[in-house]
Amino acid sequence: MWGGEGKGSLCDACDTLITKDEFVIGGVFVLDGKDAVHFHVHCFWLWESEVRARARGDEIPAPGLCAHCRKLILAEEARTTIVDVAYHAACWSQKIRER
């Protein structure tokens, strides 16, 4: 893992740009067929917590349900998916603010 100034890459957690005004955390390992990953700092910590939850065997919400509010995510709704766990876009933003 490494960190530094963002250079306009897409965050592998939330699919938004990591600007030069933001800090990026990156690493070299395979994720969804990619060999290098980039995260906003807050997205990295939430992504890591999801990975650790899976490793512990914590309950993973059923596909199509938001991991935060446990409500259905409609096909037309914006979503963020972290390690195959989906969030409503608004729930993801709230989770980041709570972090």
Protein backbone atom coordinates (compact mmCIF):
# COMPACT_ATOMS: atom_id res chain seq x y z
CA MET A 1 0.00 0.00 0.00
CA TRP A 2 1.11 3.56 -0.63
CA GLY A 3 -0.37 7.03 -0.38
CA GLY A 4 0.04 10.42 -1.94
CA GLU A 5 -1.55 13.27 -3.82
CA GLY A 6 -4.48 12.32 -6.04
CA LYS A 7 -3.84 12.45 -9.77
CA GLY A 8 -7.34 12.16 -11.21
CA SER A 9 -7.71 8.39 -11.04
CA LEU A 10 -11.09 6.82 -10.26
CA CYS A 11 -11.68 5.53 -6.75
CA ASP A 12 -12.21 1.76 -6.89
CA ALA A 13 -14.78 2.03 -4.11
CA CYS A 14 -17.05 4.92 -5.11
CA ASP A 15 -16.15 5.40 -8.81
CA THR A 16 -15.55 9.15 -8.45
CA LEU A 17 -12.36 11.04 -9.29
CA ILE A 18 -9.62 11.42 -6.71
CA THR A 19 -8.54 15.00 -7.32
CA LYS A 20 -5.12 16.55 -6.69
CA ASP A 21 -6.65 18.21 -3.62
CA GLU A 22 -7.40 14.79 -2.10
CA PHE A 23 -5.16 12.10 -0.68
CA VAL A 24 -5.12 8.73 -2.46
CA ILE A 25 -4.33 5.32 -0.99
CA GLY A 26 -3.23 2.76 -3.53
CA GLY A 27 -1.94 -0.73 -3.70
CA VAL A 28 -0.85 -3.46 -6.04
CA PHE A 29 -3.01 -6.56 -5.74
CA VAL A 30 -5.75 -8.12 -7.81
CA LEU A 31 -9.25 -6.64 -7.40
CA ASP A 32 -11.91 -7.31 -10.01
CA GLY A 33 -9.24 -8.18 -12.58
CA LYS A 34 -7.21 -5.02 -11.92
CA ASP A 35 -3.68 -5.23 -10.56
CA ALA A 36 -3.54 -1.72 -9.04
CA VAL A 37 -6.21 -0.02 -6.97
CA HIS A 38 -6.83 3.57 -5.86
CA PHE A 39 -9.08 4.78 -3.04
CA HIS A 40 -10.06 8.02 -1.35
CA VAL A 41 -8.82 7.70 2.24
CA HIS A 42 -12.35 7.42 3.68
CA CYS A 43 -13.34 4.90 0.99
CA PHE A 44 -10.28 2.78 1.77
CA TRP A 45 -11.14 2.52 5.46
CA LEU A 46 -14.74 1.56 4.68
CA TRP A 47 -13.61 -0.91 1.98
CA GLU A 48 -11.16 -2.47 4.43
CA SER A 49 -13.89 -2.79 7.09
CA GLU A 50 -16.08 -4.66 4.56
CA VAL A 51 -13.20 -7.00 3.69
CA ARG A 52 -12.55 -7.68 7.39
CA ALA A 53 -16.27 -8.29 8.01
CA ARG A 54 -16.27 -10.94 5.31
CA ALA A 55 -13.14 -12.53 6.73
CA ARG A 56 -14.85 -12.73 10.15
CA GLY A 57 -17.90 -14.32 8.55
CA ASP A 58 -20.23 -11.43 9.40
CA GLU A 59 -23.66 -11.50 7.79
CA ILE A 60 -23.64 -10.00 4.30
CA PRO A 61 -26.93 -8.45 3.15
CA ALA A 62 -28.83 -10.21 0.39
CA PRO A 63 -28.07 -8.99 -3.14
CA GLY A 64 -30.09 -5.88 -3.97
CA LEU A 65 -30.34 -4.69 -0.35
CA CYS A 66 -28.44 -1.70 1.00
CA ALA A 67 -25.90 -2.75 3.64
CA HIS A 68 -26.61 0.42 5.62
CA CYS A 69 -30.40 0.74 5.73
CA ARG A 70 -31.25 -2.86 4.61
CA LYS A 71 -33.82 -1.53 2.10
CA LEU A 72 -34.13 -2.53 -1.54
CA ILE A 73 -31.97 -0.63 -4.02
CA LEU A 74 -34.05 -0.07 -7.13
CA ALA A 75 -32.39 -0.58 -10.52
CA GLU A 76 -32.63 3.13 -11.37
CA GLU A 77 -31.15 4.30 -8.04
CA ALA A 78 -27.54 5.42 -7.71
CA ARG A 79 -25.47 2.95 -5.71
CA THR A 80 -21.95 2.27 -4.48
CA THR A 81 -20.70 -1.30 -4.33
CA ILE A 82 -17.80 -2.29 -2.09
CA VAL A 83 -16.57 -5.89 -2.18
CA ASP A 84 -19.93 -7.02 -3.62
CA VAL A 85 -21.84 -5.18 -0.87
CA ALA A 86 -24.16 -2.45 -2.18
CA TYR A 87 -25.21 0.86 -0.64
CA HIS A 88 -27.67 3.54 -1.72
CA ALA A 89 -25.55 6.52 -2.78
CA ALA A 90 -27.05 8.58 0.07
CA CYS A 91 -26.35 5.80 2.58
CA TRP A 92 -22.74 5.57 1.41
CA SER A 93 -22.35 9.33 1.85
CA GLN A 94 -23.80 9.09 5.34
CA LYS A 95 -21.47 6.20 6.22
CA ILE A 96 -18.50 8.30 5.10
CA ARG A 97 -19.65 11.27 7.21
CA GLU A 98 -20.04 8.98 10.25
CA ARG A 99 -16.52 7.59 9.83
